[in-house]
Protein backbone atom coordinates (compact mmCIF):
# COMPACT_ATOMS: atom_id res chain seq x y z
CA GLY A 1 20.74 24.14 47.94
CA ARG A 2 19.47 25.28 44.60
CA ALA A 3 16.17 27.18 44.64
CA GLY A 4 15.52 26.22 48.25
CA LYS A 5 16.04 22.49 47.70
CA ASP A 6 17.71 20.50 50.45
CA PRO A 7 21.14 19.54 48.97
CA ARG A 8 20.99 16.17 50.76
CA LYS A 9 17.94 15.29 48.64
CA GLN A 10 19.35 16.42 45.28
CA LYS A 11 20.87 14.16 42.67
CA VAL A 12 24.42 15.33 42.07
CA GLY A 13 26.98 14.18 39.56
CA ALA A 14 30.59 14.90 38.69
CA ALA A 15 32.92 14.06 35.85
CA LEU A 16 36.61 13.91 36.74
CA PHE A 17 39.38 13.89 34.17
CA PHE A 18 42.07 12.04 36.10
CA ARG A 19 45.14 10.10 34.97
CA GLU A 20 44.24 10.47 31.29
CA HIS A 21 40.65 9.28 31.34
CA VAL A 22 37.22 10.11 32.72
CA ILE A 23 35.45 8.82 35.79
CA SER A 24 31.98 9.85 36.88
CA ILE A 25 30.55 10.11 40.37
CA ILE A 26 26.79 10.03 40.88
CA LYS A 27 25.08 10.73 44.21
CA ILE A 28 21.73 8.96 44.40
CA PRO A 29 19.54 10.20 47.27
CA LEU A 30 17.31 7.65 48.96
CA GLY A 31 13.95 8.42 50.51
CA ASN A 32 15.24 8.02 54.08
CA GLY A 33 17.82 10.85 53.94
CA ALA A 34 20.70 8.49 53.12
CA CYS A 35 22.28 8.25 49.69
CA TYR A 36 24.34 5.94 47.51
CA PHE A 37 27.40 7.02 45.55
CA ASP A 38 28.25 5.34 42.25
CA ILE A 39 31.74 5.59 40.76
CA VAL A 40 31.77 4.84 37.03
CA ASP A 41 35.15 4.23 35.41
CA SER A 42 35.04 4.35 31.62
CA LEU A 43 38.47 2.75 31.20
CA PRO A 44 38.36 -1.00 30.57
CA SER A 45 39.92 -2.93 33.43
CA ALA A 46 41.21 -6.47 33.77
CA LYS A 47 39.51 -6.57 37.19
CA ALA A 48 36.20 -5.85 35.44
CA GLY A 49 36.70 -8.47 32.74
CA GLY A 50 38.03 -5.96 30.21
CA MET A 51 34.99 -3.71 30.59
CA ALA A 52 34.20 -0.40 32.24
CA SER A 53 33.09 -0.63 35.85
CA ARG A 54 30.47 0.84 38.16
CA THR A 55 31.01 0.62 41.91
CA ARG A 56 28.20 1.44 44.35
CA CYS A 57 29.11 2.78 47.77
CA LYS A 58 26.25 2.64 50.23
CA ASP A 59 27.46 5.36 52.61
CA GLN A 60 29.81 8.34 52.66
CA ILE A 61 32.61 6.54 54.50
CA SER A 62 32.76 3.71 51.96
CA PHE A 63 32.60 6.29 49.14
CA GLU A 64 35.54 8.28 50.53
CA THR A 65 37.53 5.08 51.10
CA MET A 66 36.82 3.84 47.57
CA LEU A 67 37.74 7.17 46.02
CA GLN A 68 41.06 7.29 47.89
CA TRP A 69 41.86 3.70 46.91
CA TYR A 70 40.96 4.45 43.29
CA ALA A 71 43.15 7.56 43.11
CA TYR A 72 46.10 5.85 44.79
CA SER A 73 45.77 2.81 42.50
CA LYS A 74 46.35 5.06 39.46
CA PHE A 75 49.76 6.26 40.70
CA GLY A 76 52.79 4.27 39.58
CA ASP A 77 56.19 4.31 41.25
CA THR A 78 57.40 7.31 39.22
CA HIS A 79 54.29 9.29 40.20
CA CYS A 80 54.80 8.45 43.88
CA ASP A 81 58.48 9.39 43.65
CA PHE A 82 57.52 12.76 42.14
CA ILE A 83 54.90 13.39 44.84
CA ASP A 84 57.32 12.42 47.61
CA ALA A 85 60.06 14.68 46.22
CA ASN A 86 57.92 17.74 45.39
CA GLU A 87 55.66 19.91 47.48
CA TRP A 88 52.67 21.36 45.66
CA ASN A 89 53.63 24.18 43.28
CA ASP A 90 50.99 25.96 41.19
CA GLY A 91 53.61 26.62 38.53
CA MET A 92 54.16 22.88 38.00
CA CYS A 93 50.50 21.88 37.75
CA ASP A 94 50.86 20.83 34.10
CA PHE A 95 53.28 18.08 35.20
CA ASP A 96 51.99 17.11 38.64
CA PRO A 97 50.22 13.70 38.69
CA ARG A 98 47.89 14.89 41.50
CA VAL A 99 46.07 17.30 39.17
CA PHE A 100 42.61 16.55 37.83
CA GLN A 101 39.78 18.53 36.25
CA GLY A 102 36.30 18.23 37.66
CA PHE A 103 32.84 19.27 36.52
CA VAL A 104 29.85 19.08 38.88
CA TRP A 105 26.11 19.38 38.30
CA ALA A 106 22.97 19.08 40.40
CA GLU A 107 19.33 18.58 39.48
């Protein structure tokens, strides 16, 4: 960890630019060594009543499951067809729907 801090006890956040908008991930450490993960989606959603959403995952397994579901839900049929037909190629990263930018920070 940073400056001798236990990374499991640090607040950590990330901003991901994925599928043309931003989502944020916030790790919230709890006093008992566990942590929550919040996924904040800035894009208004019909599922969220036309508003942005914040989903709290209370363990790492639910967080990983939610993140996979979220990513897959953003791919349409044309994206899936492209992924199925093309192995990863660094030279095509400007066009590949699997690409995202991420920024991470810790306290």
